N, C-alpha and C. Protein backbone atom coordinates (compact mmCIF):
# COMPACT_ATOMS: atom_id res chain seq x y z
N UNK A 1 64.25 40.41 217.95
CA UNK A 1 65.27 40.13 218.01
C UNK A 1 65.57 38.86 219.01
N UNK A 2 66.81 37.80 218.80
CA UNK A 2 66.57 36.89 219.89
C UNK A 2 67.57 37.28 220.41
N UNK A 3 68.97 37.36 220.26
CA UNK A 3 70.38 38.22 220.73
C UNK A 3 71.42 39.31 219.81
N UNK A 4 72.14 39.55 220.59
CA UNK A 4 72.72 40.79 219.97
C UNK A 4 74.34 40.94 220.31
N UNK A 5 75.45 41.20 219.59
CA UNK A 5 76.19 41.46 219.72
C UNK A 5 77.25 42.36 219.51
N UNK A 6 78.18 42.90 219.38
CA UNK A 6 78.39 44.15 219.36
C UNK A 6 79.54 44.39 217.99
N UNK A 7 79.19 45.38 217.98
CA UNK A 7 79.94 45.37 216.13
C UNK A 7 81.47 45.05 216.13
N UNK A 8 82.48 45.19 217.50
CA UNK A 8 83.81 44.39 217.46
C UNK A 8 83.87 43.19 217.63
N UNK A 9 82.94 42.56 217.85
CA UNK A 9 82.79 40.79 218.00
C UNK A 9 83.42 40.06 216.72
N UNK A 10 83.79 38.82 216.99
CA UNK A 10 84.03 38.30 214.87
C UNK A 10 82.63 37.59 215.30
N UNK A 11 81.49 36.85 216.25
CA UNK A 11 80.52 36.58 215.22
C UNK A 11 79.47 36.16 216.86
N UNK A 12 78.75 35.92 216.44
CA UNK A 12 77.53 35.64 217.47
C UNK A 12 77.27 34.40 217.24
N UNK A 13 77.14 33.60 218.44
CA UNK A 13 76.10 32.70 218.04
C UNK A 13 75.05 31.93 218.67
N UNK A 14 73.99 31.13 218.16
CA UNK A 14 72.99 30.65 219.30
C UNK A 14 73.20 28.97 219.13
N UNK A 15 73.04 28.23 219.47
CA UNK A 15 72.61 26.13 219.31
C UNK A 15 71.92 25.99 220.59
N UNK A 16 71.73 24.35 219.94
CA UNK A 16 70.93 23.90 221.55
C UNK A 16 72.19 22.47 220.95
N UNK A 17 72.66 21.59 222.16
CA UNK A 17 72.94 20.53 222.90
C UNK A 17 72.13 19.53 223.12
N UNK A 18 72.08 18.40 222.88
CA UNK A 18 71.07 17.36 223.57
C UNK A 18 72.36 16.10 223.78
N UNK A 19 72.22 15.22 225.15
CA UNK A 19 72.64 14.71 225.05
C UNK A 19 72.58 13.91 226.54
N UNK A 20 72.37 12.49 226.75
CA UNK A 20 71.97 11.91 227.71
C UNK A 20 70.25 12.26 228.52
N UNK A 21 69.45 12.08 227.10
CA UNK A 21 68.27 12.82 227.71
C UNK A 21 67.99 14.20 228.81
N UNK A 22 69.62 14.89 228.23
CA UNK A 22 69.65 16.55 228.69
C UNK A 22 69.87 17.54 227.47
N UNK A 23 68.82 18.62 227.52
CA UNK A 23 69.07 19.51 226.23
C UNK A 23 69.28 20.73 227.01
N UNK A 24 70.39 21.50 226.38
CA UNK A 24 70.34 23.02 226.79
C UNK A 24 70.92 23.72 225.55
N UNK A 25 70.38 25.01 226.04
CA UNK A 25 70.18 26.40 224.74
C UNK A 25 71.17 26.92 225.34
N UNK A 26 72.60 27.36 223.82
CA UNK A 26 73.73 28.50 224.24
C UNK A 26 73.65 29.79 223.53
N UNK A 27 74.67 30.27 223.53
CA UNK A 27 74.50 31.34 222.78
C UNK A 27 75.78 32.56 223.46
N UNK A 28 76.27 32.71 222.38
CA UNK A 28 77.65 33.14 222.75
C UNK A 28 78.33 34.40 221.68
N UNK A 29 79.04 35.25 222.41
CA UNK A 29 79.50 36.69 221.46
C UNK A 29 81.15 36.15 221.58
N UNK A 30 81.47 35.62 219.83
CA UNK A 30 83.07 35.81 219.82
C UNK A 30 84.07 36.93 220.04
N UNK A 31 84.05 37.55 221.31
CA UNK A 31 85.11 38.51 221.47
C UNK A 31 86.22 38.78 220.43
N UNK A 32 87.16 37.46 220.19
CA UNK A 32 88.50 36.96 219.79
C UNK A 32 88.27 35.86 219.02
N UNK A 33 88.96 35.53 217.95
CA UNK A 33 89.06 34.09 217.74
C UNK A 33 88.94 33.03 218.72
N UNK A 34 89.76 33.08 219.98
CA UNK A 34 89.82 32.42 221.33
C UNK A 34 89.37 32.59 222.61
N UNK A 35 88.53 33.68 222.17
CA UNK A 35 87.98 33.86 223.74
C UNK A 35 85.70 34.54 223.09
N UNK A 36 85.35 34.39 223.85
CA UNK A 36 83.69 34.62 223.91
C UNK A 36 83.53 34.27 225.10
N UNK A 37 82.05 35.08 225.36
CA UNK A 37 81.25 35.40 226.46
C UNK A 37 80.01 34.59 226.21
N UNK A 38 79.48 33.46 227.40
CA UNK A 38 78.91 32.27 226.59
C UNK A 38 77.56 32.54 228.29
N UNK A 39 76.40 31.80 227.54
CA UNK A 39 75.58 31.81 228.07
C UNK A 39 74.89 31.09 228.74
N UNK A 40 73.71 29.89 229.22
CA UNK A 40 73.89 28.70 229.11
C UNK A 40 72.25 28.93 229.38
N UNK A 41 71.25 27.88 229.64
CA UNK A 41 69.80 28.01 230.15
C UNK A 41 69.47 26.30 229.75
N UNK A 42 68.67 25.63 230.31
CA UNK A 42 68.29 24.72 230.28
C UNK A 42 66.83 25.36 229.26
N UNK A 43 66.59 24.27 227.98
CA UNK A 43 65.27 24.94 227.09
C UNK A 43 63.87 25.51 227.71
N UNK A 44 63.54 26.71 227.72
CA UNK A 44 62.70 27.14 227.52
C UNK A 44 63.10 27.72 229.37
N UNK A 45 64.18 27.83 230.03
CA UNK A 45 64.63 28.45 231.60
C UNK A 45 65.19 29.77 230.93
N UNK A 46 65.97 30.60 232.58
CA UNK A 46 66.51 31.89 231.87
C UNK A 46 68.10 31.55 231.72
N UNK A 47 68.15 32.77 231.03
CA UNK A 47 69.68 32.47 230.53
C UNK A 47 70.49 32.95 231.47
N UNK A 48 71.55 31.90 231.85
CA UNK A 48 72.83 32.13 232.72
C UNK A 48 73.49 32.91 232.04
N UNK A 49 74.58 34.04 232.49
CA UNK A 49 75.88 34.57 232.05
C UNK A 49 76.92 33.78 232.41
N UNK A 50 78.00 32.96 231.97
CA UNK A 50 79.04 32.11 232.47
C UNK A 50 80.10 33.51 232.57
N UNK A 51 79.84 34.52 233.13
CA UNK A 51 80.81 35.39 233.21
C UNK A 51 82.19 35.12 234.08
N UNK A 52 81.63 33.98 234.91
CA UNK A 52 83.19 33.67 235.98
C UNK A 52 84.06 32.15 235.32
N UNK A 53 83.38 32.06 233.85
CA UNK A 53 84.23 31.51 233.68
C UNK A 53 85.35 31.91 232.62
N UNK A 54 86.94 31.50 232.50
CA UNK A 54 87.63 32.65 231.40
C UNK A 54 87.20 32.80 230.13
N UNK A 55 87.18 33.75 229.40
CA UNK A 55 86.53 33.87 227.89
C UNK A 55 87.35 33.02 227.13
N UNK A 56 88.66 32.60 227.32
CA UNK A 56 89.00 31.54 226.36
C UNK A 56 88.92 30.56 226.52
N UNK A 57 88.35 30.31 227.71
CA UNK A 57 88.21 28.50 228.01
C UNK A 57 86.62 27.55 227.22
N UNK A 58 87.04 26.72 226.81
CA UNK A 58 85.48 26.81 226.04
C UNK A 58 84.92 25.32 226.48
N UNK A 59 83.12 25.22 226.48
CA UNK A 59 82.44 24.98 227.49
C UNK A 59 81.79 24.08 226.62
N UNK A 60 81.19 22.44 227.36
CA UNK A 60 80.68 22.10 226.41
C UNK A 60 79.78 21.22 227.05
N UNK A 61 78.80 20.43 226.64
CA UNK A 61 77.58 19.55 227.30
C UNK A 61 77.87 18.00 227.14
N UNK A 62 78.47 17.02 228.62
CA UNK A 62 77.99 15.68 228.22
C UNK A 62 77.49 14.93 229.50
N UNK A 63 75.56 15.09 229.03
CA UNK A 63 75.29 14.23 229.83
C UNK A 63 74.77 15.83 230.60
N UNK A 64 74.92 15.73 232.02
CA UNK A 64 73.90 16.47 232.63
C UNK A 64 75.33 17.63 233.47
N UNK A 65 76.79 17.46 232.83
CA UNK A 65 77.77 17.84 233.51
C UNK A 65 78.10 18.33 232.15
N UNK A 66 79.05 20.16 232.57
CA UNK A 66 79.57 20.90 231.23
C UNK A 66 81.54 20.12 231.66
N UNK A 67 81.36 20.60 230.71
CA UNK A 67 82.92 19.80 230.61
C UNK A 67 83.72 21.13 229.91
N UNK A 68 84.93 21.47 230.79
CA UNK A 68 85.31 22.88 230.74
C UNK A 68 87.12 22.61 230.43
N UNK A 69 87.54 23.13 228.92
CA UNK A 69 88.86 22.68 228.68
C UNK A 69 89.49 24.23 228.60
N UNK A 70 90.54 24.73 229.47
CA UNK A 70 91.03 26.16 230.23
C UNK A 70 92.19 26.09 229.34
N UNK A 71 92.67 27.13 228.68
CA UNK A 71 93.81 27.88 227.68
C UNK A 71 94.24 28.47 228.69
N UNK A 72 93.64 29.08 229.86
CA UNK A 72 94.26 29.71 231.05
C UNK A 72 94.23 29.19 232.60
N UNK A 73 95.15 29.56 232.97
CA UNK A 73 95.00 28.77 235.03
C UNK A 73 93.51 29.42 235.17
N UNK A 74 92.70 28.53 236.20
CA UNK A 74 91.76 28.79 236.77
C UNK A 74 91.33 27.98 237.55
N UNK A 75 91.04 28.72 238.92
CA UNK A 75 91.14 28.23 240.11
C UNK A 75 91.72 27.01 240.53
N UNK A 76 93.42 27.38 240.24
CA UNK A 76 94.20 26.41 240.95
C UNK A 76 94.03 25.49 239.90
N UNK A 77 94.20 25.35 239.16
CA UNK A 77 93.67 24.74 238.03
C UNK A 77 94.39 25.21 236.70
N UNK A 78 95.99 23.93 236.03
CA UNK A 78 96.91 25.00 235.24
C UNK A 78 95.82 24.51 233.60
N UNK A 79 96.40 25.89 232.80
CA UNK A 79 96.17 25.88 231.55
C UNK A 79 96.21 24.66 230.98
N UNK A 80 95.55 23.93 230.05
CA UNK A 80 95.32 22.96 229.44
C UNK A 80 95.15 21.69 230.21
N UNK A 81 93.64 22.25 231.27
CA UNK A 81 93.44 21.24 232.18
C UNK A 81 92.46 21.11 231.59
N UNK A 82 91.44 19.67 231.71
CA UNK A 82 89.84 19.68 231.41
C UNK A 82 89.23 19.29 232.55
N UNK A 83 88.59 20.02 232.86
CA UNK A 83 87.67 19.61 233.97
C UNK A 83 86.35 19.70 233.76
N UNK A 84 85.12 18.83 234.59
CA UNK A 84 83.95 19.33 234.38
C UNK A 84 83.12 19.32 236.35
N UNK A 85 81.87 20.12 235.87
CA UNK A 85 80.82 20.57 236.56
C UNK A 85 79.74 20.08 236.28
N UNK A 86 79.05 19.99 237.64
CA UNK A 86 77.91 19.66 237.40
C UNK A 86 76.24 20.95 236.45
N UNK A 87 75.93 20.93 235.25
CA UNK A 87 75.27 21.65 234.57
C UNK A 87 73.75 22.53 235.67
N UNK A 88 73.73 21.72 236.59
CA UNK A 88 72.52 22.75 237.47
C UNK A 88 73.38 23.38 238.40
N UNK A 89 74.45 23.26 239.59
CA UNK A 89 75.69 23.86 239.94
C UNK A 89 76.36 25.05 239.15
N UNK A 90 76.67 25.31 238.18
CA UNK A 90 77.29 26.50 237.31
C UNK A 90 76.07 27.25 237.43
N UNK A 91 74.97 27.08 236.98
CA UNK A 91 73.65 26.88 236.71
C UNK A 91 73.05 28.21 238.20
N UNK A 92 72.86 27.16 239.09
CA UNK A 92 72.26 28.16 240.36
C UNK A 92 74.00 28.71 240.82
N UNK A 93 74.81 28.16 241.36
CA UNK A 93 75.83 28.78 242.30
C UNK A 93 76.93 29.26 241.90
N UNK A 94 77.07 29.67 239.89
CA UNK A 94 77.92 30.30 239.25
C UNK A 94 79.00 29.14 239.28
N UNK A 95 80.14 29.34 238.22
CA UNK A 95 80.91 29.13 237.61
C UNK A 95 82.32 29.08 238.92
N UNK A 96 82.45 29.30 239.64
CA UNK A 96 83.26 30.09 240.39
C UNK A 96 83.24 29.12 241.67
N UNK A 97 81.66 28.93 241.51
CA UNK A 97 81.67 28.17 243.41
C UNK A 97 81.50 26.51 243.10
N UNK A 98 80.88 26.29 241.89
CA UNK A 98 80.27 24.75 241.41
C UNK A 98 81.78 24.19 241.37
N UNK A 99 81.57 22.52 242.26
CA UNK A 99 82.28 22.05 242.49
C UNK A 99 83.16 21.30 240.71
N UNK A 100 83.77 21.09 240.94
CA UNK A 100 84.79 20.60 239.81
C UNK A 100 85.82 19.39 239.83
N UNK A 101 85.94 18.78 238.94
CA UNK A 101 86.27 17.53 238.71
C UNK A 101 87.51 17.25 238.00
N UNK A 102 88.65 16.92 237.99
CA UNK A 102 89.48 16.87 237.12
C UNK A 102 89.81 15.57 236.08
N UNK A 103 89.60 15.95 234.58
CA UNK A 103 89.57 14.78 233.95
C UNK A 103 91.04 14.71 233.52
N UNK A 104 91.66 15.54 232.99
CA UNK A 104 92.96 15.72 232.64
C UNK A 104 93.78 17.10 233.47
N UNK A 105 95.12 16.89 233.74
CA UNK A 105 96.19 17.37 234.06
C UNK A 105 97.00 17.70 233.40
N UNK A 106 97.34 18.73 232.70
CA UNK A 106 98.79 18.89 231.91
C UNK A 106 100.28 18.68 232.61
N UNK A 107 101.01 17.97 232.11
CA UNK A 107 102.32 17.69 232.94
C UNK A 107 103.55 18.42 231.83
N UNK A 108 104.25 18.31 232.66
CA UNK A 108 105.80 18.87 232.05
C UNK A 108 106.05 18.23 230.12
N UNK A 109 105.36 16.87 230.23
CA UNK A 109 105.48 16.35 228.88
C UNK A 109 103.88 15.64 228.34
N UNK A 110 103.17 16.06 229.13
CA UNK A 110 101.89 15.47 228.97
C UNK A 110 101.31 16.30 228.14
N UNK A 111 100.34 16.88 227.17
CA UNK A 111 99.11 17.46 227.10
C UNK A 111 97.77 17.18 226.57
N UNK A 112 96.83 17.74 226.63
CA UNK A 112 95.54 17.16 225.99
C UNK A 112 96.12 17.81 224.82
N UNK A 113 95.69 16.81 223.61
CA UNK A 113 95.17 17.22 222.16
C UNK A 113 93.41 17.14 222.35
N UNK A 114 92.83 16.44 222.56
CA UNK A 114 91.77 16.22 222.14
C UNK A 114 90.76 15.44 222.80
N UNK A 115 89.16 15.84 223.04
CA UNK A 115 88.78 14.95 223.33
C UNK A 115 87.19 14.58 222.92
N UNK A 116 86.37 13.59 223.17
CA UNK A 116 84.52 13.32 222.19
C UNK A 116 84.12 12.02 223.84
N UNK A 117 82.84 12.64 223.13
CA UNK A 117 81.66 11.74 223.98
C UNK A 117 81.13 10.45 223.05
N UNK A 118 81.03 9.45 223.79
CA UNK A 118 79.80 8.52 223.00
C UNK A 118 78.88 8.36 224.36
N UNK A 119 77.83 7.69 224.57
CA UNK A 119 76.85 7.39 224.65
C UNK A 119 76.99 7.70 226.16
N UNK A 120 78.26 7.17 226.83
CA UNK A 120 78.74 6.82 228.17
C UNK A 120 80.08 6.67 228.34
N UNK A 121 80.53 7.47 227.72
CA UNK A 121 82.25 7.69 228.18
C UNK A 121 82.84 8.97 227.49
N UNK A 122 83.61 9.10 227.67
CA UNK A 122 84.30 10.33 227.56
C UNK A 122 85.79 9.93 227.06
N UNK A 123 86.27 10.27 225.78
CA UNK A 123 87.66 9.61 225.10
C UNK A 123 88.34 10.96 225.22
N UNK A 124 89.43 10.83 226.35
CA UNK A 124 90.56 12.14 226.46
C UNK A 124 91.71 11.45 225.55
N UNK A 125 92.30 12.29 224.51
CA UNK A 125 93.31 12.05 223.86
C UNK A 125 94.39 13.20 224.07
N UNK A 126 95.80 12.35 224.56
CA UNK A 126 96.51 13.01 225.21
C UNK A 126 97.85 12.86 223.79
N UNK A 127 98.89 13.37 224.18
CA UNK A 127 100.22 13.85 223.88
C UNK A 127 101.21 13.45 224.92
N UNK A 128 101.91 12.39 224.76
CA UNK A 128 102.45 12.09 226.37
C UNK A 128 103.87 12.13 225.01
N UNK A 129 104.96 13.31 225.94
CA UNK A 129 106.19 13.19 224.65
C UNK A 129 105.43 13.05 223.54
N UNK A 130 104.76 13.69 223.34
CA UNK A 130 104.23 14.08 221.14
C UNK A 130 104.02 12.58 221.08
N UNK A 131 104.08 11.52 221.77
CA UNK A 131 103.29 10.81 221.09
C UNK A 131 101.65 10.10 221.51
N UNK A 132 100.44 9.68 221.09
CA UNK A 132 99.25 9.45 221.34
C UNK A 132 99.10 8.71 222.51
N UNK A 133 98.09 9.08 222.89
CA UNK A 133 97.83 7.78 224.05
C UNK A 133 96.14 8.18 225.07
N UNK A 134 94.99 7.01 224.40
CA UNK A 134 93.96 7.39 225.12
C UNK A 134 93.66 6.93 226.69
N UNK A 135 93.27 7.81 226.79
CA UNK A 135 92.32 7.80 228.50
C UNK A 135 90.35 7.26 228.31
N UNK A 136 89.74 6.45 229.25
CA UNK A 136 89.04 6.63 228.59
C UNK A 136 87.90 7.14 230.54
N UNK A 137 87.12 7.85 230.60
CA UNK A 137 86.71 7.94 231.92
C UNK A 137 84.80 7.68 231.16
N UNK A 138 84.37 6.44 232.51
CA UNK A 138 82.98 5.79 231.70
C UNK A 138 82.27 6.95 233.10
N UNK A 139 80.97 7.77 232.38
CA UNK A 139 79.81 8.26 233.11
C UNK A 139 79.16 7.56 234.25
N UNK A 140 79.23 7.96 235.57
CA UNK A 140 78.37 6.94 235.92
C UNK A 140 77.30 7.86 236.66
N UNK A 141 76.60 9.12 235.80
CA UNK A 141 75.75 9.83 236.57
C UNK A 141 76.01 10.72 237.19
N UNK A 142 75.17 11.85 237.78
CA UNK A 142 74.88 12.47 239.01
C UNK A 142 76.44 13.31 239.35
N UNK A 143 77.05 13.56 238.34
CA UNK A 143 78.49 14.03 237.94
C UNK A 143 80.05 13.24 238.75
N UNK A 144 79.36 11.71 238.52
CA UNK A 144 80.62 10.92 238.83
C UNK A 144 81.28 10.28 237.75
N UNK A 145 82.29 10.36 237.76
CA UNK A 145 83.20 9.32 237.05
C UNK A 145 83.93 8.09 237.31
N UNK A 146 84.40 7.37 236.55
CA UNK A 146 85.09 6.34 236.74
C UNK A 146 86.08 6.10 235.62
N UNK A 147 87.15 5.71 236.46
CA UNK A 147 88.09 6.10 235.22
C UNK A 147 88.40 4.67 234.53
N UNK A 148 88.11 4.34 233.44
CA UNK A 148 88.47 3.48 232.86
C UNK A 148 89.49 2.91 232.22
N UNK A 149 90.46 2.92 232.44
CA UNK A 149 91.93 3.17 232.03
C UNK A 149 92.13 4.31 230.94
N UNK A 150 93.36 3.25 230.64
CA UNK A 150 94.16 4.28 229.58
C UNK A 150 95.26 3.11 228.36
N UNK A 151 95.65 3.08 227.95
CA UNK A 151 96.48 2.42 226.89
C UNK A 151 97.37 2.57 227.48
N UNK A 152 98.28 1.31 228.15
CA UNK A 152 99.55 0.81 228.46
C UNK A 152 100.99 1.54 227.88
N UNK A 153 100.71 1.75 226.82
CA UNK A 153 102.17 2.74 226.37
C UNK A 153 101.77 4.09 225.34
N UNK A 154 102.35 5.09 225.25
CA UNK A 154 101.58 5.40 223.99
C UNK A 154 102.35 5.32 223.13
N UNK A 155 101.81 6.06 221.60
CA UNK A 155 101.93 5.38 220.44
C UNK A 155 102.72 6.52 219.66
N UNK A 156 103.76 6.52 218.38
CA UNK A 156 103.40 7.13 217.39
C UNK A 156 102.57 7.38 216.45
N UNK A 157 101.56 8.03 216.39
CA UNK A 157 100.83 7.59 215.05
C UNK A 157 100.29 8.97 215.07
N UNK A 158 99.30 8.90 213.96
CA UNK A 158 98.43 10.33 214.12
C UNK A 158 96.89 9.48 214.48
N UNK A 159 95.93 9.98 215.40
CA UNK A 159 94.70 9.16 215.70
C UNK A 159 93.76 10.75 215.42
N UNK A 160 92.67 9.74 215.17
CA UNK A 160 91.38 10.48 215.37
C UNK A 160 90.44 9.79 215.84
N UNK A 161 89.75 10.66 216.66
CA UNK A 161 88.64 9.41 217.75
C UNK A 161 87.36 9.89 217.54
N UNK A 162 86.16 9.62 216.96
CA UNK A 162 85.10 9.99 216.90
C UNK A 162 83.60 9.29 217.17
N UNK A 163 82.64 9.68 217.80
CA UNK A 163 81.49 8.52 218.05
C UNK A 163 80.62 8.15 216.47
N UNK A 164 80.08 7.35 217.00
CA UNK A 164 79.56 7.04 215.58
C UNK A 164 77.91 7.84 215.58
N UNK A 165 77.78 7.38 217.18
CA UNK A 165 76.48 8.19 217.42
C UNK A 165 76.31 8.58 218.87
N UNK A 166 76.84 9.27 219.51
CA UNK A 166 77.25 9.66 220.64
C UNK A 166 75.65 9.42 221.18
N UNK A 167 74.38 9.38 220.88
CA UNK A 167 73.08 9.38 221.31
C UNK A 167 72.60 7.53 221.86
N UNK A 168 73.25 6.63 220.85
CA UNK A 168 72.56 5.43 220.66
C UNK A 168 73.43 4.52 221.30
N UNK A 169 75.31 5.03 221.23
CA UNK A 169 76.50 3.54 221.46
C UNK A 169 77.94 4.38 222.13
N UNK A 170 78.20 2.90 222.18
CA UNK A 170 79.71 3.75 222.10
C UNK A 170 80.43 3.14 220.76
N UNK A 171 79.81 2.75 220.06
CA UNK A 171 80.70 2.90 218.99
C UNK A 171 81.36 4.05 218.51
N UNK A 172 82.96 4.23 217.85
CA UNK A 172 84.32 4.71 217.35
C UNK A 172 83.97 4.63 216.19
N UNK A 173 84.89 5.76 215.19
CA UNK A 173 85.43 5.94 214.47
C UNK A 173 86.60 6.30 214.52
N UNK A 174 87.92 5.44 214.77
CA UNK A 174 89.23 5.35 214.57
C UNK A 174 89.72 5.72 213.60
N UNK A 175 90.50 6.96 213.20
CA UNK A 175 91.61 6.47 212.25
C UNK A 175 93.21 7.06 212.34
N UNK A 176 93.70 6.23 211.82
CA UNK A 176 95.39 5.71 212.49
C UNK A 176 96.36 6.20 210.65
N UNK A 177 97.49 6.95 211.15
CA UNK A 177 98.21 6.60 210.36
C UNK A 177 99.84 6.70 211.38
N UNK A 178 100.73 6.44 210.17
CA UNK A 178 102.09 6.34 210.94
C UNK A 178 103.35 6.91 209.71
N UNK A 179 104.23 6.51 210.25
CA UNK A 179 105.37 7.04 208.92
C UNK A 179 105.71 6.05 207.79
N UNK A 180 104.68 4.87 208.41
CA UNK A 180 104.98 3.40 207.55
C UNK A 180 103.82 2.71 207.57
N UNK A 181 102.83 3.41 208.01
CA UNK A 181 101.18 2.74 207.95
C UNK A 181 100.57 4.09 207.16
N UNK A 182 99.78 3.41 206.22
CA UNK A 182 99.25 4.33 205.01
C UNK A 182 97.50 4.32 206.16
N UNK A 183 97.09 5.91 206.05
CA UNK A 183 95.92 6.34 206.83
C UNK A 183 94.58 5.19 206.74
N UNK A 184 94.21 4.29 207.79
CA UNK A 184 93.19 3.61 208.37
C UNK A 184 92.08 3.98 209.16
N UNK A 185 91.00 3.88 208.28
CA UNK A 185 89.42 3.76 209.05
C UNK A 185 89.29 2.58 209.57
N UNK A 186 88.97 2.59 210.97
CA UNK A 186 88.02 1.32 211.35
C UNK A 186 86.85 1.65 212.63
N UNK A 187 86.40 0.24 212.81
CA UNK A 187 85.33 1.08 213.85
C UNK A 187 85.33 0.04 215.37
N UNK A 188 85.39 0.64 215.94
CA UNK A 188 85.63 -0.05 217.22
C UNK A 188 84.05 0.73 218.28
N UNK A 189 84.35 -0.06 219.32
CA UNK A 189 83.91 -0.28 221.02
C UNK A 189 84.12 0.35 221.94
N UNK A 190 83.79 1.97 222.31
CA UNK A 190 85.13 2.16 223.72
C UNK A 190 84.00 1.65 224.78
N UNK A 191 83.76 1.07 224.84
CA UNK A 191 83.01 0.34 226.09
C UNK A 191 84.15 -1.26 226.42
N UNK A 192 84.26 -2.21 225.12
CA UNK A 192 85.53 -2.77 224.97
C UNK A 192 86.99 -1.83 225.58
N UNK A 193 87.09 -0.80 226.06
CA UNK A 193 88.66 -0.77 227.57
C UNK A 193 89.07 0.04 226.25
N UNK A 194 90.44 0.51 226.44
CA UNK A 194 91.48 1.14 225.60
C UNK A 194 92.47 0.13 224.96
N UNK A 195 92.21 0.04 223.80
CA UNK A 195 93.66 -0.94 223.58
C UNK A 195 93.11 -1.83 222.84
N UNK A 196 91.24 -2.01 222.32
CA UNK A 196 90.80 -3.02 222.46
C UNK A 196 90.74 -2.80 220.81
N UNK A 197 90.76 -4.24 220.59
CA UNK A 197 90.92 -4.67 218.58
C UNK A 197 89.63 -4.05 217.71
N UNK A 198 90.07 -3.26 217.08
CA UNK A 198 88.69 -2.61 215.98
C UNK A 198 89.40 -2.96 214.67
N UNK A 199 87.52 -2.80 214.19
CA UNK A 199 87.85 -3.47 212.48
C UNK A 199 88.20 -2.70 212.09
N UNK A 200 89.24 -2.59 210.80
CA UNK A 200 89.65 -1.97 209.83
C UNK A 200 88.76 -1.93 208.49
N UNK A 201 87.98 -0.83 208.18
CA UNK A 201 87.35 -1.18 206.80
C UNK A 201 87.69 -0.87 206.10
N UNK A 202 88.35 0.72 206.07
CA UNK A 202 89.05 1.16 204.78
C UNK A 202 90.33 1.53 204.17
N UNK A 203 91.48 1.47 203.62
CA UNK A 203 92.87 1.91 203.98
C UNK A 203 93.19 2.98 202.80
N UNK A 204 93.83 3.76 202.71
CA UNK A 204 94.97 4.36 201.40
C UNK A 204 95.82 3.37 200.80
N UNK A 205 95.73 2.90 199.83
CA UNK A 205 96.96 1.80 199.45
C UNK A 205 98.24 2.56 199.83
N UNK A 206 99.16 1.88 199.93
CA UNK A 206 100.22 1.66 200.75
C UNK A 206 101.36 2.28 199.78
N UNK A 207 102.34 3.23 199.97
CA UNK A 207 102.82 3.92 198.85
C UNK A 207 104.59 3.34 198.34
N UNK A 208 104.89 2.33 199.40
CA UNK A 208 105.92 1.56 199.83
C UNK A 208 106.01 0.44 200.37
N UNK A 209 107.49 -0.55 200.29
CA UNK A 209 107.04 -1.66 201.23
C UNK A 209 107.54 -1.30 202.13
N UNK A 210 107.04 -1.47 203.13
CA UNK A 210 106.86 -1.22 204.88
C UNK A 210 108.06 -2.48 205.29
N UNK A 211 108.14 -3.50 204.62
CA UNK A 211 108.53 -4.52 205.30
C UNK A 211 109.90 -4.29 206.00
N UNK A 212 110.62 -4.78 207.46
CA UNK A 212 111.09 -4.82 207.71
C UNK A 212 111.83 -3.50 208.47
N UNK A 213 110.69 -2.61 208.35
CA UNK A 213 111.00 -0.90 208.96
C UNK A 213 110.17 -0.89 210.32
N UNK A 214 111.12 -0.34 211.08
CA UNK A 214 110.54 0.21 212.39
C UNK A 214 110.18 1.63 213.09
N UNK A 215 109.95 1.98 213.03
CA UNK A 215 109.35 3.93 213.38
C UNK A 215 109.99 3.53 215.28
N UNK A 216 110.73 4.75 215.32
CA UNK A 216 111.40 4.64 217.09
C UNK A 216 110.97 6.19 216.47
N UNK A 217 111.58 6.52 218.25
CA UNK A 217 112.24 7.83 218.83
C UNK A 217 112.69 8.05 220.05
N UNK A 218 113.57 8.93 219.14
CA UNK A 218 115.13 9.32 220.42
C UNK A 218 114.89 10.54 220.75
N UNK A 219 115.83 10.64 222.16
CA UNK A 219 116.07 12.00 222.19
C UNK A 219 117.36 12.59 222.38
N UNK A 220 117.43 13.71 222.33
CA UNK A 220 119.01 14.04 222.57
C UNK A 220 119.11 14.43 224.03
């Protein structure tokens, strides 16, 4: 027997993550659709229960740090925040004592939508007054991040960003769509900066002539 859940659990999982030369093993007991009890260890090491982490928080790896996305407030940080903490500190001192870095903090009009990692960059997608905006963080190692900028303006669009190969490069797949723009798949490089030109590879055919049309957002 490797790991065991309880009859009331939704699921039990075990998996391995690798990034930036670091490897961790995880196992989780999903106690609900949005809650889970988590354990982590370096490959071949001792299991550490992440009991001090909220059960509704999600935890993932970026190189040697743990990314923590909050669904409820924790350690003075609001629900909807994106934090990171050195994996070694979490496993040694516990999640309640390990240092935290804020990568995103929600405001009244801005919320976290998603995030994805490339080889060296973390790409954070926000909803700013319901419009999408992207910010880049460059990882410098040893738990330090550099703010690599964000888009000058939020855009009215559907947007999906994912890494081409998060182990080898900072290239990204970008899928965009809009009220007058068909879904388009593009290739870009996150190291070129937010808003850098991308290469359109494929698009759905336009269903109508959008010449002269504009999309605007109003507020009552």
